[in-house]
């Protein structure tokens, strides 16, 4: 083991940004958008079952979007934290050299 930690903060920040972007694809998801027209299926039980599935599916997609957005935020914050620590270490090294 070399004892060095190397982090590609650009890749972390980019990944965080991409996750947040993907999460926004689920904004506004509702049961109506998941199974639009389910009342037109012709059979009440089928329409009801499809409506219930769509409602649960939309809830799951909302939860997924929340988790993906949180992961993106965490990656972005981690990148910023690594950059901050690196800047502090660089300042300390410069101060030692004086």
PDB file of N, CA and C in Angstrom:
ATOM      1  N   UNK A   1       0.843  -1.179   0.000  1.00  0.00           N
ATOM      2  CA  UNK A   1       0.000   0.000   0.000  1.00  0.00           C
ATOM      3  C   UNK A   1       0.883   1.236   0.000  1.00  0.00           C
ATOM      4  N   UNK A   2       0.557   2.187  -0.816  1.00  0.00           N
ATOM      5  CA  UNK A   2       1.395   3.363  -0.979  1.00  0.00           C
ATOM      6  C   UNK A   2       1.179   4.396   0.118  1.00  0.00           C
ATOM      7  N   UNK A   3       0.044   4.385   0.760  1.00  0.00           N
ATOM      8  CA  UNK A   3      -0.231   5.385   1.779  1.00  0.00           C
ATOM      9  C   UNK A   3      -0.849   6.659   1.234  1.00  0.00           C
ATOM     10  N   UNK A   4      -1.080   6.693  -0.053  1.00  0.00           N
ATOM     11  CA  UNK A   4      -1.659   7.881  -0.670  1.00  0.00           C
ATOM     12  C   UNK A   4      -3.106   7.623  -1.036  1.00  0.00           C
ATOM     13  N   UNK A   5      -3.893   8.633  -0.864  1.00  0.00           N
ATOM     14  CA  UNK A   5      -5.296   8.563  -1.274  1.00  0.00           C
ATOM     15  C   UNK A   5      -5.471   9.497  -2.457  1.00  0.00           C
ATOM     16  N   UNK A   6      -5.928   8.944  -3.549  1.00  0.00           N
ATOM     17  CA  UNK A   6      -6.175   9.755  -4.747  1.00  0.00           C
ATOM     18  C   UNK A   6      -7.647   9.667  -5.102  1.00  0.00           C
ATOM     19  N   UNK A   7      -8.242  10.817  -5.275  1.00  0.00           N
ATOM     20  CA  UNK A   7      -9.666  10.889  -5.578  1.00  0.00           C
ATOM     21  C   UNK A   7      -9.845  11.790  -6.791  1.00  0.00           C
ATOM     22  N   UNK A   8     -10.563  11.296  -7.762  1.00  0.00           N
ATOM     23  CA  UNK A   8     -10.890  12.115  -8.924  1.00  0.00           C
ATOM     24  C   UNK A   8     -12.160  12.899  -8.578  1.00  0.00           C
ATOM     25  N   UNK A   9     -11.946  14.098  -8.042  1.00  0.00           N
ATOM     26  CA  UNK A   9     -13.095  14.894  -7.584  1.00  0.00           C
ATOM     27  C   UNK A   9     -13.979  15.331  -8.747  1.00  0.00           C
ATOM     28  N   UNK A  10     -13.382  15.484  -9.906  1.00  0.00           N
ATOM     29  CA  UNK A  10     -14.187  15.827 -11.080  1.00  0.00           C
ATOM     30  C   UNK A  10     -15.160  14.717 -11.422  1.00  0.00           C
ATOM     31  N   UNK A  11     -14.681  13.470 -11.334  1.00  0.00           N
ATOM     32  CA  UNK A  11     -15.552  12.318 -11.617  1.00  0.00           C
ATOM     33  C   UNK A  11     -16.647  12.202 -10.560  1.00  0.00           C
ATOM     34  N   UNK A  12     -16.295  12.457  -9.295  1.00  0.00           N
ATOM     35  CA  UNK A  12     -17.316  12.412  -8.236  1.00  0.00           C
ATOM     36  C   UNK A  12     -18.399  13.466  -8.479  1.00  0.00           C
ATOM     37  N   UNK A  13     -17.958  14.682  -8.738  1.00  0.00           N
ATOM     38  CA  UNK A  13     -18.915  15.772  -8.966  1.00  0.00           C
ATOM     39  C   UNK A  13     -19.769  15.511 -10.209  1.00  0.00           C
ATOM     40  N   UNK A  14     -19.125  15.005 -11.262  1.00  0.00           N
ATOM     41  CA  UNK A  14     -19.859  14.689 -12.490  1.00  0.00           C
ATOM     42  C   UNK A  14     -20.896  13.598 -12.247  1.00  0.00           C
ATOM     43  N   UNK A  15     -20.507  12.578 -11.497  1.00  0.00           N
ATOM     44  CA  UNK A  15     -21.457  11.505 -11.174  1.00  0.00           C
ATOM     45  C   UNK A  15     -22.626  12.045 -10.369  1.00  0.00           C
ATOM     46  N   UNK A  16     -22.327  12.908  -9.412  1.00  0.00           N
ATOM     47  CA  UNK A  16     -23.393  13.512  -8.607  1.00  0.00           C
ATOM     48  C   UNK A  16     -24.355  14.329  -9.449  1.00  0.00           C
ATOM     49  N   UNK A  17     -23.797  15.088 -10.370  1.00  0.00           N
ATOM     50  CA  UNK A  17     -24.628  15.899 -11.259  1.00  0.00           C
ATOM     51  C   UNK A  17     -25.494  15.030 -12.167  1.00  0.00           C
ATOM     52  N   UNK A  18     -24.909  13.962 -12.668  1.00  0.00           N
ATOM     53  CA  UNK A  18     -25.658  13.057 -13.556  1.00  0.00           C
ATOM     54  C   UNK A  18     -26.783  12.351 -12.808  1.00  0.00           C
ATOM     55  N   UNK A  19     -26.512  11.939 -11.567  1.00  0.00           N
ATOM     56  CA  UNK A  19     -27.570  11.299 -10.777  1.00  0.00           C
ATOM     57  C   UNK A  19     -28.718  12.265 -10.533  1.00  0.00           C
ATOM     58  N   UNK A  20     -28.391  13.494 -10.162  1.00  0.00           N
ATOM     59  CA  UNK A  20     -29.439  14.489  -9.926  1.00  0.00           C
ATOM     60  C   UNK A  20     -30.249  14.718 -11.192  1.00  0.00           C
ATOM     61  N   UNK A  21     -29.569  14.738 -12.319  1.00  0.00           N
ATOM     62  CA  UNK A  21     -30.257  14.925 -13.597  1.00  0.00           C
ATOM     63  C   UNK A  21     -31.205  13.757 -13.883  1.00  0.00           C
ATOM     64  N   UNK A  22     -30.741  12.543 -13.620  1.00  0.00           N
ATOM     65  CA  UNK A  22     -31.587  11.366 -13.847  1.00  0.00           C
ATOM     66  C   UNK A  22     -32.793  11.362 -12.914  1.00  0.00           C
ATOM     67  N   UNK A  23     -32.593  11.799 -11.684  1.00  0.00           N
ATOM     68  CA  UNK A  23     -33.702  11.830 -10.724  1.00  0.00           C
ATOM     69  C   UNK A  23     -34.805  12.770 -11.193  1.00  0.00           C
ATOM     70  N   UNK A  24     -34.421  13.845 -11.861  1.00  0.00           N
ATOM     71  CA  UNK A  24     -35.424  14.804 -12.311  1.00  0.00           C
ATOM     72  C   UNK A  24     -36.344  14.213 -13.380  1.00  0.00           C
ATOM     73  N   UNK A  25     -35.929  13.116 -13.991  1.00  0.00           N
ATOM     74  CA  UNK A  25     -36.783  12.462 -14.992  1.00  0.00           C
ATOM     75  C   UNK A  25     -38.063  11.922 -14.356  1.00  0.00           C
ATOM     76  N   UNK A  26     -38.025  11.709 -13.045  1.00  0.00           N
ATOM     77  CA  UNK A  26     -39.193  11.168 -12.342  1.00  0.00           C
ATOM     78  C   UNK A  26     -40.061  12.250 -11.712  1.00  0.00           C
ATOM     79  N   UNK A  27     -39.658  13.508 -11.820  1.00  0.00           N
ATOM     80  CA  UNK A  27     -40.461  14.589 -11.252  1.00  0.00           C
ATOM     81  C   UNK A  27     -41.843  14.615 -11.892  1.00  0.00           C
ATOM     82  N   UNK A  28     -42.853  14.757 -11.087  1.00  0.00           N
ATOM     83  CA  UNK A  28     -44.220  14.840 -11.583  1.00  0.00           C
ATOM     84  C   UNK A  28     -44.860  13.504 -11.891  1.00  0.00           C
ATOM     85  N   UNK A  29     -44.208  12.407 -11.509  1.00  0.00           N
ATOM     86  CA  UNK A  29     -44.797  11.076 -11.733  1.00  0.00           C
ATOM     87  C   UNK A  29     -46.048  10.931 -10.879  1.00  0.00           C
ATOM     88  N   UNK A  30     -47.086  10.464 -11.478  1.00  0.00           N
ATOM     89  CA  UNK A  30     -48.331  10.207 -10.750  1.00  0.00           C
ATOM     90  C   UNK A  30     -48.956   8.932 -11.299  1.00  0.00           C
ATOM     91  N   UNK A  31     -49.918   8.428 -10.573  1.00  0.00           N
ATOM     92  CA  UNK A  31     -50.608   7.226 -11.036  1.00  0.00           C
ATOM     93  C   UNK A  31     -51.229   7.464 -12.410  1.00  0.00           C
ATOM     94  N   UNK A  32     -51.737   8.670 -12.629  1.00  0.00           N
ATOM     95  CA  UNK A  32     -52.369   8.977 -13.908  1.00  0.00           C
ATOM     96  C   UNK A  32     -51.357   8.922 -15.059  1.00  0.00           C
ATOM     97  N   UNK A  33     -50.121   9.341 -14.775  1.00  0.00           N
ATOM     98  CA  UNK A  33     -49.128   9.315 -15.844  1.00  0.00           C
ATOM     99  C   UNK A  33     -48.567   7.915 -16.062  1.00  0.00           C
ATOM    100  N   UNK A  34     -48.625   7.072 -15.029  1.00  0.00           N
ATOM    101  CA  UNK A  34     -48.121   5.703 -15.162  1.00  0.00           C
ATOM    102  C   UNK A  34     -49.094   4.833 -15.944  1.00  0.00           C
ATOM    103  N   UNK A  35     -50.372   4.983 -15.667  1.00  0.00           N
ATOM    104  CA  UNK A  35     -51.382   4.150 -16.340  1.00  0.00           C
ATOM    105  C   UNK A  35     -52.544   5.023 -16.790  1.00  0.00           C
ATOM    106  N   UNK A  36     -52.245   5.919 -17.690  1.00  0.00           N
ATOM    107  CA  UNK A  36     -53.315   6.784 -18.184  1.00  0.00           C
ATOM    108  C   UNK A  36     -54.341   5.954 -18.944  1.00  0.00           C
ATOM    109  N   UNK A  37     -55.584   6.274 -18.756  1.00  0.00           N
ATOM    110  CA  UNK A  37     -56.658   5.588 -19.464  1.00  0.00           C
ATOM    111  C   UNK A  37     -57.020   4.227 -18.906  1.00  0.00           C
ATOM    112  N   UNK A  38     -56.551   3.895 -17.711  1.00  0.00           N
ATOM    113  CA  UNK A  38     -56.852   2.560 -17.178  1.00  0.00           C
ATOM    114  C   UNK A  38     -58.354   2.363 -16.935  1.00  0.00           C
ATOM    115  N   UNK A  39     -59.084   3.441 -16.809  1.00  0.00           N
ATOM    116  CA  UNK A  39     -60.542   3.317 -16.627  1.00  0.00           C
ATOM    117  C   UNK A  39     -61.242   2.876 -17.908  1.00  0.00           C
ATOM    118  N   UNK A  40     -60.562   2.950 -19.020  1.00  0.00           N
ATOM    119  CA  UNK A  40     -61.146   2.586 -20.306  1.00  0.00           C
ATOM    120  C   UNK A  40     -60.904   1.122 -20.674  1.00  0.00           C
ATOM    121  N   UNK A  41     -60.396   0.328 -19.750  1.00  0.00           N
ATOM    122  CA  UNK A  41     -60.067  -1.059 -20.065  1.00  0.00           C
ATOM    123  C   UNK A  41     -61.294  -1.940 -20.260  1.00  0.00           C
ATOM    124  N   UNK A  42     -62.444  -1.480 -19.798  1.00  0.00           N
ATOM    125  CA  UNK A  42     -63.675  -2.215 -20.047  1.00  0.00           C
ATOM    126  C   UNK A  42     -64.088  -3.161 -18.942  1.00  0.00           C
ATOM    127  N   UNK A  43     -63.211  -3.547 -18.097  1.00  0.00           N
ATOM    128  CA  UNK A  43     -63.545  -4.447 -16.998  1.00  0.00           C
ATOM    129  C   UNK A  43     -63.163  -3.739 -15.699  1.00  0.00           C
ATOM    130  N   UNK A  44     -64.133  -3.586 -14.810  1.00  0.00           N
ATOM    131  CA  UNK A  44     -63.929  -2.803 -13.590  1.00  0.00           C
ATOM    132  C   UNK A  44     -62.791  -3.353 -12.731  1.00  0.00           C
ATOM    133  N   UNK A  45     -62.718  -4.667 -12.581  1.00  0.00           N
ATOM    134  CA  UNK A  45     -61.675  -5.264 -11.741  1.00  0.00           C
ATOM    135  C   UNK A  45     -60.292  -5.015 -12.337  1.00  0.00           C
ATOM    136  N   UNK A  46     -60.184  -5.113 -13.661  1.00  0.00           N
ATOM    137  CA  UNK A  46     -58.911  -4.862 -14.324  1.00  0.00           C
ATOM    138  C   UNK A  46     -58.521  -3.394 -14.190  1.00  0.00           C
ATOM    139  N   UNK A  47     -59.472  -2.513 -14.379  1.00  0.00           N
ATOM    140  CA  UNK A  47     -59.209  -1.081 -14.246  1.00  0.00           C
ATOM    141  C   UNK A  47     -58.784  -0.754 -12.816  1.00  0.00           C
ATOM    142  N   UNK A  48     -59.452  -1.348 -11.834  1.00  0.00           N
ATOM    143  CA  UNK A  48     -59.126  -1.105 -10.435  1.00  0.00           C
ATOM    144  C   UNK A  48     -57.721  -1.621 -10.113  1.00  0.00           C
ATOM    145  N   UNK A  49     -57.421  -2.842 -10.543  1.00  0.00           N
ATOM    146  CA  UNK A  49     -56.106  -3.427 -10.279  1.00  0.00           C
ATOM    147  C   UNK A  49     -54.998  -2.607 -10.939  1.00  0.00           C
ATOM    148  N   UNK A  50     -55.231  -2.177 -12.150  1.00  0.00           N
ATOM    149  CA  UNK A  50     -54.237  -1.367 -12.857  1.00  0.00           C
ATOM    150  C   UNK A  50     -54.048  -0.025 -12.163  1.00  0.00           C
ATOM    151  N   UNK A  51     -55.142   0.561 -11.717  1.00  0.00           N
ATOM    152  CA  UNK A  51     -55.058   1.830 -10.988  1.00  0.00           C
ATOM    153  C   UNK A  51     -54.268   1.690  -9.690  1.00  0.00           C
ATOM    154  N   UNK A  52     -54.512   0.598  -8.967  1.00  0.00           N
ATOM    155  CA  UNK A  52     -53.769   0.367  -7.719  1.00  0.00           C
ATOM    156  C   UNK A  52     -52.286   0.133  -7.996  1.00  0.00           C
ATOM    157  N   UNK A  53     -51.996  -0.656  -9.023  1.00  0.00           N
ATOM    158  CA  UNK A  53     -50.602  -0.894  -9.392  1.00  0.00           C
ATOM    159  C   UNK A  53     -49.931   0.422  -9.775  1.00  0.00           C
ATOM    160  N   UNK A  54     -50.598   1.225 -10.560  1.00  0.00           N
ATOM    161  CA  UNK A  54     -50.035   2.496 -11.004  1.00  0.00           C
ATOM    162  C   UNK A  54     -49.751   3.411  -9.818  1.00  0.00           C
ATOM    163  N   UNK A  55     -50.656   3.436  -8.855  1.00  0.00           N
ATOM    164  CA  UNK A  55     -50.456   4.258  -7.662  1.00  0.00           C
ATOM    165  C   UNK A  55     -49.221   3.803  -6.899  1.00  0.00           C
ATOM    166  N   UNK A  56     -49.114   2.505  -6.691  1.00  0.00           N
ATOM    167  CA  UNK A  56     -47.952   1.970  -5.960  1.00  0.00           C
ATOM    168  C   UNK A  56     -46.655   2.162  -6.761  1.00  0.00           C
ATOM    169  N   UNK A  57     -46.735   1.979  -8.056  1.00  0.00           N
ATOM    170  CA  UNK A  57     -45.561   2.149  -8.903  1.00  0.00           C
ATOM    171  C   UNK A  57     -45.083   3.605  -8.848  1.00  0.00           C
ATOM    172  N   UNK A  58     -46.012   4.546  -8.892  1.00  0.00           N
ATOM    173  CA  UNK A  58     -45.652   5.969  -8.830  1.00  0.00           C
ATOM    174  C   UNK A  58     -44.994   6.298  -7.492  1.00  0.00           C
ATOM    175  N   UNK A  59     -45.511   5.713  -6.408  1.00  0.00           N
ATOM    176  CA  UNK A  59     -44.901   5.930  -5.089  1.00  0.00           C
ATOM    177  C   UNK A  59     -43.472   5.389  -5.090  1.00  0.00           C
ATOM    178  N   UNK A  60     -43.270   4.220  -5.673  1.00  0.00           N
ATOM    179  CA  UNK A  60     -41.937   3.635  -5.759  1.00  0.00           C
ATOM    180  C   UNK A  60     -40.992   4.487  -6.589  1.00  0.00           C
ATOM    181  N   UNK A  61     -41.488   5.031  -7.686  1.00  0.00           N
ATOM    182  CA  UNK A  61     -40.647   5.882  -8.529  1.00  0.00           C
ATOM    183  C   UNK A  61     -40.274   7.168  -7.809  1.00  0.00           C
ATOM    184  N   UNK A  62     -41.218   7.716  -7.040  1.00  0.00           N
ATOM    185  CA  UNK A  62     -40.915   8.916  -6.258  1.00  0.00           C
ATOM    186  C   UNK A  62     -39.828   8.619  -5.232  1.00  0.00           C
ATOM    187  N   UNK A  63     -39.918   7.460  -4.574  1.00  0.00           N
ATOM    188  CA  UNK A  63     -38.904   7.071  -3.587  1.00  0.00           C
ATOM    189  C   UNK A  63     -37.551   6.870  -4.270  1.00  0.00           C
ATOM    190  N   UNK A  64     -37.564   6.242  -5.424  1.00  0.00           N
ATOM    191  CA  UNK A  64     -36.332   6.043  -6.179  1.00  0.00           C
ATOM    192  C   UNK A  64     -35.702   7.382  -6.540  1.00  0.00           C
ATOM    193  N   UNK A  65     -36.507   8.310  -7.017  1.00  0.00           N
ATOM    194  CA  UNK A  65     -36.001   9.631  -7.384  1.00  0.00           C
ATOM    195  C   UNK A  65     -35.402  10.342  -6.174  1.00  0.00           C
ATOM    196  N   UNK A  66     -36.049  10.230  -5.036  1.00  0.00           N
ATOM    197  CA  UNK A  66     -35.532  10.840  -3.812  1.00  0.00           C
ATOM    198  C   UNK A  66     -34.177  10.252  -3.446  1.00  0.00           C
ATOM    199  N   UNK A  67     -34.058   8.930  -3.511  1.00  0.00           N
ATOM    200  CA  UNK A  67     -32.806   8.264  -3.169  1.00  0.00           C
ATOM    201  C   UNK A  67     -31.699   8.597  -4.166  1.00  0.00           C
ATOM    202  N   UNK A  68     -32.031   8.612  -5.446  1.00  0.00           N
ATOM    203  CA  UNK A  68     -31.036   8.926  -6.470  1.00  0.00           C
ATOM    204  C   UNK A  68     -30.569  10.373  -6.328  1.00  0.00           C
ATOM    205  N   UNK A  69     -31.510  11.274  -6.058  1.00  0.00           N
ATOM    206  CA  UNK A  69     -31.159  12.683  -5.869  1.00  0.00           C
ATOM    207  C   UNK A  69     -30.253  12.839  -4.644  1.00  0.00           C
ATOM    208  N   UNK A  70     -30.569  12.124  -3.550  1.00  0.00           N
ATOM    209  CA  UNK A  70     -29.750  12.187  -2.333  1.00  0.00           C
ATOM    210  C   UNK A  70     -28.344  11.638  -2.590  1.00  0.00           C
ATOM    211  N   UNK A  71     -28.250  10.565  -3.361  1.00  0.00           N
ATOM    212  CA  UNK A  71     -26.936  10.002  -3.696  1.00  0.00           C
ATOM    213  C   UNK A  71     -26.131  11.006  -4.524  1.00  0.00           C
ATOM    214  N   UNK A  72     -26.788  11.664  -5.456  1.00  0.00           N
ATOM    215  CA  UNK A  72     -26.112  12.670  -6.269  1.00  0.00           C
ATOM    216  C   UNK A  72     -25.603  13.828  -5.427  1.00  0.00           C
ATOM    217  N   UNK A  73     -26.433  14.269  -4.497  1.00  0.00           N
ATOM    218  CA  UNK A  73     -26.027  15.348  -3.594  1.00  0.00           C
ATOM    219  C   UNK A  73     -24.842  14.916  -2.740  1.00  0.00           C
ATOM    220  N   UNK A  74     -24.881  13.691  -2.236  1.00  0.00           N
ATOM    221  CA  UNK A  74     -23.787  13.182  -1.401  1.00  0.00           C
ATOM    222  C   UNK A  74     -22.476  13.118  -2.191  1.00  0.00           C
ATOM    223  N   UNK A  75     -22.535  12.673  -3.439  1.00  0.00           N
ATOM    224  CA  UNK A  75     -21.321  12.616  -4.260  1.00  0.00           C
ATOM    225  C   UNK A  75     -20.766  14.016  -4.527  1.00  0.00           C
ATOM    226  N   UNK A  76     -21.647  14.944  -4.820  1.00  0.00           N
ATOM    227  CA  UNK A  76     -21.224  16.319  -5.069  1.00  0.00           C
ATOM    228  C   UNK A  76     -20.593  16.925  -3.822  1.00  0.00           C
ATOM    229  N   UNK A  77     -21.209  16.680  -2.665  1.00  0.00           N
ATOM    230  CA  UNK A  77     -20.659  17.187  -1.407  1.00  0.00           C
ATOM    231  C   UNK A  77     -19.326  16.524  -1.068  1.00  0.00           C
ATOM    232  N   UNK A  78     -19.197  15.243  -1.366  1.00  0.00           N
ATOM    233  CA  UNK A  78     -17.932  14.543  -1.119  1.00  0.00           C
ATOM    234  C   UNK A  78     -16.823  15.137  -1.983  1.00  0.00           C
ATOM    235  N   UNK A  79     -17.136  15.417  -3.235  1.00  0.00           N
ATOM    236  CA  UNK A  79     -16.137  16.027  -4.120  1.00  0.00           C
ATOM    237  C   UNK A  79     -15.697  17.379  -3.568  1.00  0.00           C
ATOM    238  N   UNK A  80     -16.654  18.173  -3.123  1.00  0.00           N
ATOM    239  CA  UNK A  80     -16.327  19.491  -2.559  1.00  0.00           C
ATOM    240  C   UNK A  80     -15.499  19.347  -1.285  1.00  0.00           C
ATOM    241  N   UNK A  81     -15.814  18.366  -0.458  1.00  0.00           N
ATOM    242  CA  UNK A  81     -15.062  18.146   0.779  1.00  0.00           C
ATOM    243  C   UNK A  81     -13.616  17.750   0.475  1.00  0.00           C
ATOM    244  N   UNK A  82     -13.423  16.856  -0.507  1.00  0.00           N
ATOM    245  CA  UNK A  82     -12.062  16.472  -0.886  1.00  0.00           C
ATOM    246  C   UNK A  82     -11.290  17.675  -1.424  1.00  0.00           C
ATOM    247  N   UNK A  83     -11.954  18.496  -2.235  1.00  0.00           N
ATOM    248  CA  UNK A  83     -11.299  19.695  -2.772  1.00  0.00           C
ATOM    249  C   UNK A  83     -10.903  20.639  -1.637  1.00  0.00           C
ATOM    250  N   UNK A  84     -11.779  20.797  -0.658  1.00  0.00           N
ATOM    251  CA  UNK A  84     -11.509  21.678   0.477  1.00  0.00           C
ATOM    252  C   UNK A  84     -10.325  21.162   1.293  1.00  0.00           C
ATOM    253  N   UNK A  85     -10.315  19.873   1.591  1.00  0.00           N
ATOM    254  CA  UNK A  85      -9.204  19.279   2.349  1.00  0.00           C
ATOM    255  C   UNK A  85      -7.899  19.433   1.581  1.00  0.00           C
ATOM    256  N   UNK A  86      -7.940  19.226   0.288  1.00  0.00           N
ATOM    257  CA  UNK A  86      -6.741  19.364  -0.536  1.00  0.00           C
ATOM    258  C   UNK A  86      -6.232  20.804  -0.498  1.00  0.00           C
ATOM    259  N   UNK A  87      -7.146  21.760  -0.593  1.00  0.00           N
ATOM    260  CA  UNK A  87      -6.751  23.170  -0.543  1.00  0.00           C
ATOM    261  C   UNK A  87      -6.157  23.523   0.817  1.00  0.00           C
ATOM    262  N   UNK A  88      -6.735  23.004   1.884  1.00  0.00           N
ATOM    263  CA  UNK A  88      -6.206  23.266   3.224  1.00  0.00           C
ATOM    264  C   UNK A  88      -4.804  22.671   3.377  1.00  0.00           C
ATOM    265  N   UNK A  89      -4.612  21.464   2.871  1.00  0.00           N
ATOM    266  CA  UNK A  89      -3.300  20.824   2.957  1.00  0.00           C
ATOM    267  C   UNK A  89      -2.265  21.606   2.142  1.00  0.00           C
ATOM    268  N   UNK A  90      -2.672  22.101   0.987  1.00  0.00           N
ATOM    269  CA  UNK A  90      -1.758  22.888   0.160  1.00  0.00           C
ATOM    270  C   UNK A  90      -1.365  24.180   0.876  1.00  0.00           C
ATOM    271  N   UNK A  91      -2.332  24.843   1.514  1.00  0.00           N
ATOM    272  CA  UNK A  91      -2.029  26.067   2.267  1.00  0.00           C
ATOM    273  C   UNK A  91      -1.071  25.769   3.417  1.00  0.00           C
ATOM    274  N   UNK A  92      -1.328  24.673   4.118  1.00  0.00           N
ATOM    275  CA  UNK A  92      -0.465  24.309   5.238  1.00  0.00           C
ATOM    276  C   UNK A  92       0.955  24.017   4.749  1.00  0.00           C
ATOM    277  N   UNK A  93       1.088  23.329   3.639  1.00  0.00           N
ATOM    278  CA  UNK A  93       2.411  23.027   3.089  1.00  0.00           C
ATOM    279  C   UNK A  93       3.133  24.309   2.681  1.00  0.00           C
ATOM    280  N   UNK A  94       2.403  25.252   2.083  1.00  0.00           N
ATOM    281  CA  UNK A  94       3.017  26.537   1.707  1.00  0.00           C
ATOM    282  C   UNK A  94       3.482  27.299   2.947  1.00  0.00           C
ATOM    283  N   UNK A  95       2.669  27.256   4.008  1.00  0.00           N
ATOM    284  CA  UNK A  95       3.032  27.953   5.242  1.00  0.00           C
ATOM    285  C   UNK A  95       4.267  27.329   5.895  1.00  0.00           C
ATOM    286  N   UNK A  96       4.422  26.022   5.772  1.00  0.00           N
ATOM    287  CA  UNK A  96       5.605  25.358   6.315  1.00  0.00           C
ATOM    288  C   UNK A  96       6.862  25.740   5.559  1.00  0.00           C
ATOM    289  N   UNK A  97       6.697  25.974   4.282  1.00  0.00           N
ATOM    290  CA  UNK A  97       7.851  26.299   3.432  1.00  0.00           C
ATOM    291  C   UNK A  97       8.358  27.715   3.657  1.00  0.00           C
ATOM    292  N   UNK A  98       7.632  28.553   4.334  1.00  0.00           N
ATOM    293  CA  UNK A  98       8.034  29.960   4.551  1.00  0.00           C
ATOM    294  C   UNK A  98       9.092  30.059   5.591  1.00  0.00           C
TER     295      UNK A  98
END
